[in-house]
Amino acid sequence: MDYMSLEEIAQRSHNGKLKTTDSETRYGGIRMFEMSLRVSIRKRIELLKARFPQEHLLVADIGGSHGDLTGEISKIGGVCPFVIDVYPCFPANSILSRNRFIRADAEKMPEIPDGAFHYIVSFNVLTYTDVSLSVPEIYRILRKGGIADLDWEFPDKGQLARLSKDQIARHLTITPMMGTCLIHFEK
């Protein structure tokens, strides 16, 4: 999978008709997202560049909506970031192409091939999904050798128990925090 194939998927997913907003994207830096995940996104990307030295890294921001984080990641050389959201919005000041916004549901992304992305991040989205569907789907689109960092606010204990019994549970590290859960996995 290369970034041009993913751009074609993005184009087909919204037929060039993304909701355009007058609100501006706030490119306030990557630090806020790193504090939420308690990881250095830049260090993750450097690690993945070492694992995949001959490739542009394909990064997905699940639930990225306006592309705030994706815009920041696009400033890092050798990285091709994409927003994946049920209702992606294209901000008036976006530094991203419309072909970097994929309209898809985190619970079911059949248009995205297995192993498409090297790195996947998600903030404050899993709360609004059935994690027994969304986490395995995120795992499916993660490339072998890739990394996913997800945050799950106010985790539902029943869903957490089901996820812990899921077949991919052995690949997950789930860290409970105050009111949130951090999910990390490598494939």
N, C-alpha and C. Protein backbone atom coordinates (compact mmCIF):
# COMPACT_ATOMS: atom_id res chain seq x y z
N MET A 1 0.85 -1.17 0.00
CA MET A 1 0.00 0.00 0.00
C MET A 1 0.90 1.24 0.00
N ASP A 2 0.60 2.18 -0.89
CA ASP A 2 1.34 3.43 -0.91
C ASP A 2 0.36 4.60 -0.71
N TYR A 3 0.89 5.78 -0.53
CA TYR A 3 0.03 6.92 -0.22
C TYR A 3 -0.89 7.29 -1.38
N MET A 4 -0.47 7.05 -2.61
CA MET A 4 -1.34 7.39 -3.75
C MET A 4 -2.57 6.49 -3.77
N SER A 5 -2.40 5.22 -3.44
CA SER A 5 -3.56 4.31 -3.37
C SER A 5 -4.51 4.75 -2.27
N LEU A 6 -3.96 5.18 -1.13
CA LEU A 6 -4.81 5.66 -0.04
C LEU A 6 -5.51 6.97 -0.42
N GLU A 7 -4.84 7.81 -1.19
CA GLU A 7 -5.49 9.05 -1.65
C GLU A 7 -6.67 8.72 -2.58
N GLU A 8 -6.52 7.69 -3.40
CA GLU A 8 -7.64 7.26 -4.25
C GLU A 8 -8.80 6.76 -3.40
N ILE A 9 -8.49 5.99 -2.35
CA ILE A 9 -9.54 5.52 -1.43
C ILE A 9 -10.22 6.72 -0.78
N ALA A 10 -9.42 7.70 -0.36
CA ALA A 10 -9.98 8.91 0.26
C ALA A 10 -10.92 9.62 -0.70
N GLN A 11 -10.49 9.80 -1.93
CA GLN A 11 -11.31 10.48 -2.94
C GLN A 11 -12.63 9.75 -3.15
N ARG A 12 -12.57 8.44 -3.27
CA ARG A 12 -13.80 7.66 -3.46
C ARG A 12 -14.70 7.72 -2.23
N SER A 13 -14.11 7.81 -1.04
CA SER A 13 -14.91 7.78 0.19
C SER A 13 -15.81 9.00 0.34
N HIS A 14 -15.42 10.11 -0.24
CA HIS A 14 -16.25 11.32 -0.12
C HIS A 14 -16.57 11.97 -1.47
N ASN A 15 -16.13 11.35 -2.56
CA ASN A 15 -16.41 11.86 -3.91
C ASN A 15 -16.07 13.33 -4.07
N GLY A 16 -15.04 13.78 -3.38
CA GLY A 16 -14.63 15.18 -3.48
C GLY A 16 -15.56 16.14 -2.77
N LYS A 17 -16.57 15.62 -2.08
CA LYS A 17 -17.57 16.46 -1.43
C LYS A 17 -17.41 16.39 0.09
N LEU A 18 -16.36 17.00 0.58
CA LEU A 18 -16.15 17.09 2.02
C LEU A 18 -16.85 18.32 2.54
N LYS A 19 -17.38 18.21 3.75
CA LYS A 19 -17.96 19.38 4.39
C LYS A 19 -16.82 20.37 4.64
N THR A 20 -16.96 21.56 4.11
CA THR A 20 -15.96 22.60 4.33
C THR A 20 -16.45 23.50 5.43
N THR A 21 -15.57 23.80 6.36
CA THR A 21 -15.95 24.65 7.48
C THR A 21 -15.21 25.97 7.41
N ASP A 22 -15.84 27.00 7.93
CA ASP A 22 -15.18 28.31 8.02
C ASP A 22 -14.26 28.36 9.22
N SER A 23 -14.49 27.42 10.15
CA SER A 23 -13.61 27.42 11.33
C SER A 23 -12.22 27.04 10.89
N GLU A 24 -11.27 27.60 11.57
CA GLU A 24 -9.89 27.33 11.21
C GLU A 24 -9.31 26.22 12.06
N THR A 25 -8.46 25.44 11.44
CA THR A 25 -7.73 24.42 12.18
C THR A 25 -6.73 25.12 13.07
N ARG A 26 -6.61 24.63 14.28
CA ARG A 26 -5.68 25.22 15.24
C ARG A 26 -4.43 24.35 15.27
N TYR A 27 -3.45 24.74 14.50
CA TYR A 27 -2.20 24.01 14.51
C TYR A 27 -1.38 24.49 15.70
N GLY A 28 -1.74 24.01 16.88
CA GLY A 28 -1.13 24.48 18.11
C GLY A 28 0.05 23.64 18.55
N GLY A 29 0.46 22.73 17.76
CA GLY A 29 1.59 21.89 18.14
C GLY A 29 1.16 20.48 18.50
N ILE A 30 2.10 19.60 18.40
CA ILE A 30 1.86 18.18 18.60
C ILE A 30 1.88 17.83 20.09
N ARG A 31 2.41 18.72 20.91
CA ARG A 31 2.63 18.45 22.33
C ARG A 31 1.35 18.09 23.08
N MET A 32 0.24 18.77 22.79
CA MET A 32 -1.02 18.49 23.49
C MET A 32 -1.44 17.03 23.29
N PHE A 33 -1.29 16.54 22.07
CA PHE A 33 -1.66 15.17 21.77
C PHE A 33 -0.71 14.19 22.47
N GLU A 34 0.57 14.54 22.49
CA GLU A 34 1.54 13.69 23.16
C GLU A 34 1.26 13.60 24.66
N MET A 35 0.83 14.71 25.26
CA MET A 35 0.50 14.69 26.69
C MET A 35 -0.70 13.79 26.95
N SER A 36 -1.69 13.81 26.05
CA SER A 36 -2.87 12.94 26.22
C SER A 36 -2.50 11.47 26.15
N LEU A 37 -1.65 11.14 25.20
CA LEU A 37 -1.26 9.74 25.00
C LEU A 37 -0.11 9.30 25.89
N ARG A 38 0.58 10.27 26.46
CA ARG A 38 1.75 10.00 27.28
C ARG A 38 2.83 9.25 26.49
N VAL A 39 2.94 9.63 25.21
CA VAL A 39 4.01 9.10 24.36
C VAL A 39 4.50 10.25 23.48
N SER A 40 5.70 10.11 22.98
CA SER A 40 6.22 11.08 22.02
C SER A 40 5.89 10.58 20.62
N ILE A 41 5.00 11.28 19.95
CA ILE A 41 4.63 10.90 18.58
C ILE A 41 5.85 11.00 17.67
N ARG A 42 6.66 12.02 17.87
CA ARG A 42 7.86 12.17 17.04
C ARG A 42 8.82 10.98 17.24
N LYS A 43 8.98 10.54 18.49
CA LYS A 43 9.86 9.39 18.74
C LYS A 43 9.29 8.12 18.12
N ARG A 44 7.97 7.96 18.18
CA ARG A 44 7.34 6.79 17.54
C ARG A 44 7.63 6.82 16.04
N ILE A 45 7.48 7.99 15.44
CA ILE A 45 7.70 8.11 14.00
C ILE A 45 9.16 7.83 13.66
N GLU A 46 10.10 8.34 14.47
CA GLU A 46 11.52 8.06 14.22
C GLU A 46 11.82 6.56 14.33
N LEU A 47 11.22 5.90 15.33
CA LEU A 47 11.37 4.46 15.47
C LEU A 47 10.86 3.73 14.22
N LEU A 48 9.70 4.14 13.74
CA LEU A 48 9.12 3.50 12.56
C LEU A 48 9.92 3.80 11.30
N LYS A 49 10.50 4.98 11.21
CA LYS A 49 11.37 5.29 10.07
C LYS A 49 12.57 4.34 10.04
N ALA A 50 13.07 4.00 11.22
CA ALA A 50 14.19 3.05 11.29
C ALA A 50 13.73 1.65 10.88
N ARG A 51 12.50 1.28 11.23
CA ARG A 51 11.97 -0.04 10.85
C ARG A 51 11.65 -0.14 9.37
N PHE A 52 11.23 0.98 8.78
CA PHE A 52 10.81 1.01 7.38
C PHE A 52 11.59 2.10 6.63
N PRO A 53 12.90 1.93 6.50
CA PRO A 53 13.73 3.02 5.95
C PRO A 53 13.47 3.38 4.49
N GLN A 54 12.93 2.47 3.73
CA GLN A 54 12.73 2.72 2.30
C GLN A 54 11.33 3.22 1.95
N GLU A 55 10.49 3.49 2.96
CA GLU A 55 9.10 3.82 2.71
C GLU A 55 8.72 5.16 3.31
N HIS A 56 7.76 5.85 2.67
CA HIS A 56 7.10 6.96 3.33
C HIS A 56 6.19 6.35 4.39
N LEU A 57 6.23 6.88 5.60
CA LEU A 57 5.37 6.34 6.65
C LEU A 57 3.94 6.80 6.43
N LEU A 58 3.02 5.86 6.46
CA LEU A 58 1.60 6.16 6.34
C LEU A 58 1.01 6.18 7.74
N VAL A 59 0.45 7.33 8.11
CA VAL A 59 -0.07 7.55 9.45
C VAL A 59 -1.56 7.83 9.36
N ALA A 60 -2.33 7.22 10.25
CA ALA A 60 -3.77 7.46 10.32
C ALA A 60 -4.13 8.07 11.66
N ASP A 61 -4.94 9.12 11.61
CA ASP A 61 -5.52 9.72 12.81
C ASP A 61 -7.00 9.35 12.79
N ILE A 62 -7.37 8.33 13.57
CA ILE A 62 -8.75 7.86 13.61
C ILE A 62 -9.59 8.87 14.39
N GLY A 63 -10.62 9.39 13.75
CA GLY A 63 -11.48 10.39 14.39
C GLY A 63 -10.86 11.77 14.37
N GLY A 64 -9.99 12.01 13.43
CA GLY A 64 -9.24 13.27 13.36
C GLY A 64 -10.03 14.48 12.89
N SER A 65 -11.25 14.29 12.46
CA SER A 65 -12.18 15.35 12.07
C SER A 65 -11.57 16.45 11.21
N HIS A 66 -11.11 17.53 11.81
CA HIS A 66 -10.58 18.68 11.08
C HIS A 66 -9.12 18.53 10.67
N GLY A 67 -8.45 17.54 11.21
CA GLY A 67 -7.06 17.31 10.84
C GLY A 67 -6.05 18.11 11.64
N ASP A 68 -6.40 18.50 12.87
CA ASP A 68 -5.45 19.27 13.69
C ASP A 68 -4.14 18.52 13.86
N LEU A 69 -4.20 17.30 14.39
CA LEU A 69 -2.99 16.51 14.60
C LEU A 69 -2.36 16.11 13.26
N THR A 70 -3.19 15.75 12.32
CA THR A 70 -2.69 15.30 11.02
C THR A 70 -1.89 16.41 10.34
N GLY A 71 -2.37 17.64 10.47
CA GLY A 71 -1.63 18.78 9.91
C GLY A 71 -0.26 18.93 10.55
N GLU A 72 -0.19 18.72 11.87
CA GLU A 72 1.09 18.80 12.57
C GLU A 72 2.02 17.68 12.12
N ILE A 73 1.48 16.47 12.00
CA ILE A 73 2.30 15.33 11.58
C ILE A 73 2.81 15.53 10.15
N SER A 74 2.03 16.20 9.31
CA SER A 74 2.43 16.40 7.91
C SER A 74 3.70 17.26 7.80
N LYS A 75 4.03 17.97 8.85
CA LYS A 75 5.24 18.81 8.85
C LYS A 75 6.51 18.00 9.07
N ILE A 76 6.37 16.73 9.44
CA ILE A 76 7.51 15.85 9.67
C ILE A 76 7.87 15.21 8.33
N GLY A 77 9.09 15.31 7.92
CA GLY A 77 9.53 14.77 6.63
C GLY A 77 9.37 13.27 6.53
N GLY A 78 9.01 12.79 5.34
CA GLY A 78 8.90 11.36 5.09
C GLY A 78 7.64 10.71 5.63
N VAL A 79 6.65 11.53 6.01
CA VAL A 79 5.41 11.03 6.60
C VAL A 79 4.23 11.48 5.76
N CYS A 80 3.30 10.57 5.51
CA CYS A 80 2.07 10.87 4.77
C CYS A 80 0.89 10.58 5.69
N PRO A 81 0.36 11.61 6.35
CA PRO A 81 -0.74 11.38 7.29
C PRO A 81 -2.11 11.49 6.65
N PHE A 82 -3.06 10.72 7.21
CA PHE A 82 -4.45 10.72 6.75
C PHE A 82 -5.38 10.86 7.94
N VAL A 83 -6.49 11.57 7.73
CA VAL A 83 -7.57 11.64 8.71
C VAL A 83 -8.57 10.56 8.33
N ILE A 84 -9.02 9.78 9.30
CA ILE A 84 -10.11 8.82 9.08
C ILE A 84 -11.21 9.20 10.05
N ASP A 85 -12.38 9.56 9.52
CA ASP A 85 -13.47 10.02 10.38
C ASP A 85 -14.80 9.73 9.69
N VAL A 86 -15.83 9.49 10.49
CA VAL A 86 -17.16 9.27 9.94
C VAL A 86 -17.65 10.55 9.24
N TYR A 87 -17.36 11.70 9.85
CA TYR A 87 -17.76 13.00 9.30
C TYR A 87 -16.57 13.94 9.23
N PRO A 88 -15.63 13.68 8.32
CA PRO A 88 -14.46 14.57 8.26
C PRO A 88 -14.88 15.97 7.77
N CYS A 89 -14.26 16.98 8.32
CA CYS A 89 -14.53 18.36 7.93
C CYS A 89 -13.25 18.97 7.38
N PHE A 90 -13.38 19.66 6.27
CA PHE A 90 -12.22 20.26 5.62
C PHE A 90 -12.17 21.74 6.01
N PRO A 91 -11.23 22.11 6.87
CA PRO A 91 -11.15 23.51 7.32
C PRO A 91 -10.65 24.44 6.23
N ALA A 92 -11.09 25.69 6.32
CA ALA A 92 -10.72 26.70 5.33
C ALA A 92 -9.20 26.86 5.23
N ASN A 93 -8.49 26.72 6.34
CA ASN A 93 -7.04 26.94 6.33
C ASN A 93 -6.23 25.65 6.33
N SER A 94 -6.81 24.55 5.92
CA SER A 94 -6.11 23.26 5.99
C SER A 94 -4.85 23.26 5.14
N ILE A 95 -3.79 22.68 5.70
CA ILE A 95 -2.56 22.50 4.92
C ILE A 95 -2.55 21.12 4.26
N LEU A 96 -3.61 20.37 4.48
CA LEU A 96 -3.73 19.03 3.91
C LEU A 96 -4.57 19.06 2.64
N SER A 97 -4.30 18.14 1.76
CA SER A 97 -5.13 17.96 0.57
C SER A 97 -6.44 17.28 0.97
N ARG A 98 -7.49 17.54 0.21
CA ARG A 98 -8.76 16.85 0.44
C ARG A 98 -8.58 15.33 0.33
N ASN A 99 -7.58 14.90 -0.41
CA ASN A 99 -7.33 13.48 -0.59
C ASN A 99 -6.61 12.85 0.59
N ARG A 100 -6.49 13.57 1.69
CA ARG A 100 -5.93 13.01 2.91
C ARG A 100 -7.02 12.81 3.97
N PHE A 101 -8.28 13.00 3.57
CA PHE A 101 -9.42 12.79 4.46
C PHE A 101 -10.22 11.60 3.96
N ILE A 102 -10.27 10.55 4.77
CA ILE A 102 -11.02 9.34 4.41
C ILE A 102 -12.28 9.28 5.26
N ARG A 103 -13.42 9.20 4.59
CA ARG A 103 -14.69 9.04 5.31
C ARG A 103 -14.89 7.56 5.59
N ALA A 104 -14.83 7.20 6.86
CA ALA A 104 -15.00 5.79 7.25
C ALA A 104 -15.35 5.71 8.73
N ASP A 105 -16.03 4.65 9.08
CA ASP A 105 -16.43 4.36 10.45
C ASP A 105 -15.34 3.49 11.08
N ALA A 106 -14.86 3.86 12.27
CA ALA A 106 -13.79 3.12 12.93
C ALA A 106 -14.16 1.66 13.21
N GLU A 107 -15.47 1.37 13.28
CA GLU A 107 -15.90 0.00 13.56
C GLU A 107 -15.90 -0.89 12.32
N LYS A 108 -15.88 -0.25 11.15
CA LYS A 108 -15.95 -1.02 9.90
C LYS A 108 -15.34 -0.18 8.79
N MET A 109 -14.14 -0.56 8.35
CA MET A 109 -13.43 0.19 7.32
C MET A 109 -13.05 -0.72 6.15
N PRO A 110 -14.03 -1.33 5.48
CA PRO A 110 -13.70 -2.30 4.44
C PRO A 110 -12.94 -1.71 3.27
N GLU A 111 -13.08 -0.41 3.04
CA GLU A 111 -12.39 0.23 1.91
C GLU A 111 -10.89 0.35 2.15
N ILE A 112 -10.46 0.24 3.40
CA ILE A 112 -9.04 0.35 3.72
C ILE A 112 -8.45 -1.05 3.82
N PRO A 113 -7.42 -1.33 3.02
CA PRO A 113 -6.85 -2.68 3.01
C PRO A 113 -6.13 -3.05 4.31
N ASP A 114 -5.99 -4.33 4.55
CA ASP A 114 -5.23 -4.84 5.68
C ASP A 114 -3.80 -4.27 5.62
N GLY A 115 -3.27 -3.92 6.77
CA GLY A 115 -1.88 -3.49 6.85
C GLY A 115 -1.55 -2.21 6.12
N ALA A 116 -2.50 -1.30 5.98
CA ALA A 116 -2.27 -0.09 5.20
C ALA A 116 -1.38 0.94 5.90
N PHE A 117 -1.41 1.02 7.24
CA PHE A 117 -0.74 2.11 7.95
C PHE A 117 0.39 1.62 8.86
N HIS A 118 1.45 2.42 8.91
CA HIS A 118 2.58 2.15 9.79
C HIS A 118 2.29 2.60 11.22
N TYR A 119 1.56 3.70 11.36
CA TYR A 119 1.30 4.27 12.68
C TYR A 119 -0.14 4.77 12.72
N ILE A 120 -0.84 4.45 13.81
CA ILE A 120 -2.23 4.88 13.98
C ILE A 120 -2.36 5.52 15.35
N VAL A 121 -2.97 6.70 15.37
CA VAL A 121 -3.26 7.39 16.63
C VAL A 121 -4.75 7.68 16.67
N SER A 122 -5.26 7.80 17.88
CA SER A 122 -6.67 8.16 18.06
C SER A 122 -6.85 8.78 19.44
N PHE A 123 -7.57 9.91 19.48
CA PHE A 123 -7.83 10.62 20.72
C PHE A 123 -9.33 10.80 20.90
N ASN A 124 -9.82 10.42 22.06
CA ASN A 124 -11.20 10.71 22.45
C ASN A 124 -12.23 10.21 21.44
N VAL A 125 -11.97 9.10 20.80
CA VAL A 125 -12.89 8.56 19.80
C VAL A 125 -13.48 7.23 20.23
N LEU A 126 -12.68 6.38 20.86
CA LEU A 126 -13.14 5.03 21.19
C LEU A 126 -14.37 5.03 22.09
N THR A 127 -14.54 6.07 22.89
CA THR A 127 -15.71 6.20 23.75
C THR A 127 -17.00 6.13 22.94
N TYR A 128 -16.94 6.59 21.71
CA TYR A 128 -18.13 6.68 20.85
C TYR A 128 -18.26 5.48 19.92
N THR A 129 -17.46 4.46 20.17
CA THR A 129 -17.52 3.26 19.33
C THR A 129 -17.72 2.03 20.22
N ASP A 130 -18.02 0.93 19.57
CA ASP A 130 -18.00 -0.36 20.24
C ASP A 130 -16.57 -0.87 20.08
N VAL A 131 -15.78 -0.79 21.14
CA VAL A 131 -14.36 -1.14 21.03
C VAL A 131 -14.12 -2.59 20.64
N SER A 132 -15.11 -3.44 20.88
CA SER A 132 -14.94 -4.84 20.46
C SER A 132 -14.97 -4.92 18.92
N LEU A 133 -15.44 -3.86 18.27
CA LEU A 133 -15.40 -3.79 16.81
C LEU A 133 -14.28 -2.86 16.32
N SER A 134 -14.15 -1.69 16.95
CA SER A 134 -13.20 -0.69 16.44
C SER A 134 -11.73 -1.08 16.67
N VAL A 135 -11.39 -1.61 17.84
CA VAL A 135 -9.98 -1.95 18.09
C VAL A 135 -9.50 -3.07 17.17
N PRO A 136 -10.26 -4.17 16.98
CA PRO A 136 -9.81 -5.17 16.00
C PRO A 136 -9.70 -4.61 14.58
N GLU A 137 -10.57 -3.67 14.23
CA GLU A 137 -10.52 -3.07 12.90
C GLU A 137 -9.27 -2.19 12.76
N ILE A 138 -8.95 -1.46 13.80
CA ILE A 138 -7.72 -0.65 13.79
C ILE A 138 -6.51 -1.58 13.70
N TYR A 139 -6.53 -2.66 14.44
CA TYR A 139 -5.46 -3.64 14.38
C TYR A 139 -5.32 -4.20 12.95
N ARG A 140 -6.44 -4.45 12.30
CA ARG A 140 -6.42 -5.01 10.94
C ARG A 140 -5.72 -4.08 9.94
N ILE A 141 -5.94 -2.77 10.05
CA ILE A 141 -5.36 -1.85 9.07
C ILE A 141 -3.94 -1.43 9.43
N LEU A 142 -3.43 -1.92 10.58
CA LEU A 142 -2.06 -1.62 10.99
C LEU A 142 -1.10 -2.59 10.29
N ARG A 143 -0.06 -2.06 9.74
CA ARG A 143 0.95 -2.85 9.05
C ARG A 143 1.77 -3.69 10.05
N LYS A 144 2.23 -4.85 9.62
CA LYS A 144 3.11 -5.67 10.46
C LYS A 144 4.36 -4.84 10.75
N GLY A 145 4.69 -4.75 12.05
CA GLY A 145 5.80 -3.90 12.48
C GLY A 145 5.36 -2.50 12.87
N GLY A 146 4.06 -2.21 12.67
CA GLY A 146 3.52 -0.89 12.97
C GLY A 146 3.15 -0.73 14.44
N ILE A 147 2.77 0.50 14.79
CA ILE A 147 2.42 0.85 16.17
C ILE A 147 1.09 1.61 16.17
N ALA A 148 0.27 1.34 17.19
CA ALA A 148 -0.97 2.11 17.39
C ALA A 148 -0.99 2.64 18.82
N ASP A 149 -1.35 3.90 18.96
CA ASP A 149 -1.53 4.55 20.26
C ASP A 149 -2.93 5.15 20.28
N LEU A 150 -3.76 4.64 21.18
CA LEU A 150 -5.17 5.05 21.23
C LEU A 150 -5.52 5.48 22.64
N ASP A 151 -6.35 6.53 22.76
CA ASP A 151 -6.82 6.84 24.09
C ASP A 151 -8.33 6.64 24.12
N TRP A 152 -8.80 6.12 25.23
CA TRP A 152 -10.21 5.74 25.39
C TRP A 152 -10.70 6.37 26.67
N GLU A 153 -11.46 7.45 26.53
CA GLU A 153 -11.99 8.14 27.71
C GLU A 153 -13.18 7.39 28.27
N PHE A 154 -13.28 7.37 29.57
CA PHE A 154 -14.40 6.77 30.29
C PHE A 154 -14.72 5.37 29.77
N PRO A 155 -13.74 4.46 29.85
CA PRO A 155 -13.96 3.12 29.30
C PRO A 155 -15.11 2.39 29.98
N ASP A 156 -15.89 1.71 29.19
CA ASP A 156 -16.99 0.89 29.67
C ASP A 156 -16.39 -0.43 30.15
N LYS A 157 -16.65 -0.78 31.39
CA LYS A 157 -16.03 -1.99 31.97
C LYS A 157 -16.43 -3.26 31.23
N GLY A 158 -17.67 -3.32 30.74
CA GLY A 158 -18.12 -4.50 29.98
C GLY A 158 -17.35 -4.62 28.67
N GLN A 159 -17.19 -3.50 27.97
CA GLN A 159 -16.44 -3.52 26.71
C GLN A 159 -14.97 -3.83 26.97
N LEU A 160 -14.43 -3.29 28.05
CA LEU A 160 -13.04 -3.56 28.40
C LEU A 160 -12.83 -5.05 28.66
N ALA A 161 -13.76 -5.67 29.36
CA ALA A 161 -13.68 -7.12 29.64
C ALA A 161 -13.75 -7.92 28.35
N ARG A 162 -14.66 -7.54 27.43
CA ARG A 162 -14.78 -8.25 26.14
C ARG A 162 -13.51 -8.07 25.31
N LEU A 163 -12.97 -6.86 25.34
CA LEU A 163 -11.75 -6.60 24.58
C LEU A 163 -10.59 -7.42 25.14
N SER A 164 -10.53 -7.57 26.44
CA SER A 164 -9.47 -8.36 27.08
C SER A 164 -9.54 -9.83 26.71
N LYS A 165 -10.71 -10.30 26.31
CA LYS A 165 -10.87 -11.70 25.91
C LYS A 165 -10.75 -11.90 24.40
N ASP A 166 -10.67 -10.80 23.66
CA ASP A 166 -10.61 -10.86 22.20
C ASP A 166 -9.32 -11.54 21.75
N GLN A 167 -9.33 -12.06 20.55
CA GLN A 167 -8.17 -12.78 20.02
C GLN A 167 -6.94 -11.90 19.85
N ILE A 168 -7.11 -10.57 19.76
CA ILE A 168 -5.94 -9.70 19.63
C ILE A 168 -5.45 -9.19 20.98
N ALA A 169 -6.11 -9.59 22.06
CA ALA A 169 -5.77 -9.08 23.40
C ALA A 169 -4.30 -9.29 23.75
N ARG A 170 -3.71 -10.37 23.28
CA ARG A 170 -2.30 -10.63 23.61
C ARG A 170 -1.37 -9.59 23.00
N HIS A 171 -1.85 -8.82 22.02
CA HIS A 171 -1.03 -7.79 21.38
C HIS A 171 -1.22 -6.42 22.03
N LEU A 172 -2.20 -6.29 22.91
CA LEU A 172 -2.56 -4.99 23.49
C LEU A 172 -1.89 -4.75 24.83
N THR A 173 -1.55 -3.51 25.08
CA THR A 173 -1.19 -3.06 26.42
C THR A 173 -2.24 -2.03 26.79
N ILE A 174 -3.01 -2.31 27.82
CA ILE A 174 -4.08 -1.41 28.25
C ILE A 174 -3.67 -0.83 29.60
N THR A 175 -3.53 0.48 29.65
CA THR A 175 -3.10 1.16 30.86
C THR A 175 -4.22 2.05 31.38
N PRO A 176 -4.85 1.67 32.48
CA PRO A 176 -5.89 2.53 33.04
C PRO A 176 -5.26 3.78 33.65
N MET A 177 -5.88 4.93 33.39
CA MET A 177 -5.48 6.21 33.97
C MET A 177 -6.73 6.80 34.61
N MET A 178 -6.63 7.96 35.18
CA MET A 178 -7.80 8.60 35.80
C MET A 178 -8.82 8.95 34.72
N GLY A 179 -9.93 8.20 34.67
CA GLY A 179 -11.01 8.49 33.73
C GLY A 179 -10.73 8.11 32.29
N THR A 180 -9.59 7.53 32.02
CA THR A 180 -9.26 7.17 30.65
C THR A 180 -8.45 5.87 30.65
N CYS A 181 -8.27 5.34 29.48
CA CYS A 181 -7.49 4.13 29.29
C CYS A 181 -6.60 4.37 28.08
N LEU A 182 -5.36 4.02 28.16
CA LEU A 182 -4.48 4.12 27.01
C LEU A 182 -4.29 2.73 26.45
N ILE A 183 -4.46 2.60 25.16
CA ILE A 183 -4.29 1.30 24.51
C ILE A 183 -3.13 1.44 23.53
N HIS A 184 -2.16 0.56 23.65
CA HIS A 184 -0.99 0.57 22.78
C HIS A 184 -0.81 -0.84 22.25
N PHE A 185 -0.51 -0.93 20.96
CA PHE A 185 -0.13 -2.24 20.44
C PHE A 185 0.82 -2.09 19.27
N GLU A 186 1.62 -3.13 19.12
CA GLU A 186 2.52 -3.25 17.99
C GLU A 186 2.17 -4.56 17.29
N LYS A 187 2.28 -4.55 16.01
CA LYS A 187 1.92 -5.74 15.24
C LYS A 187 3.17 -6.46 14.79
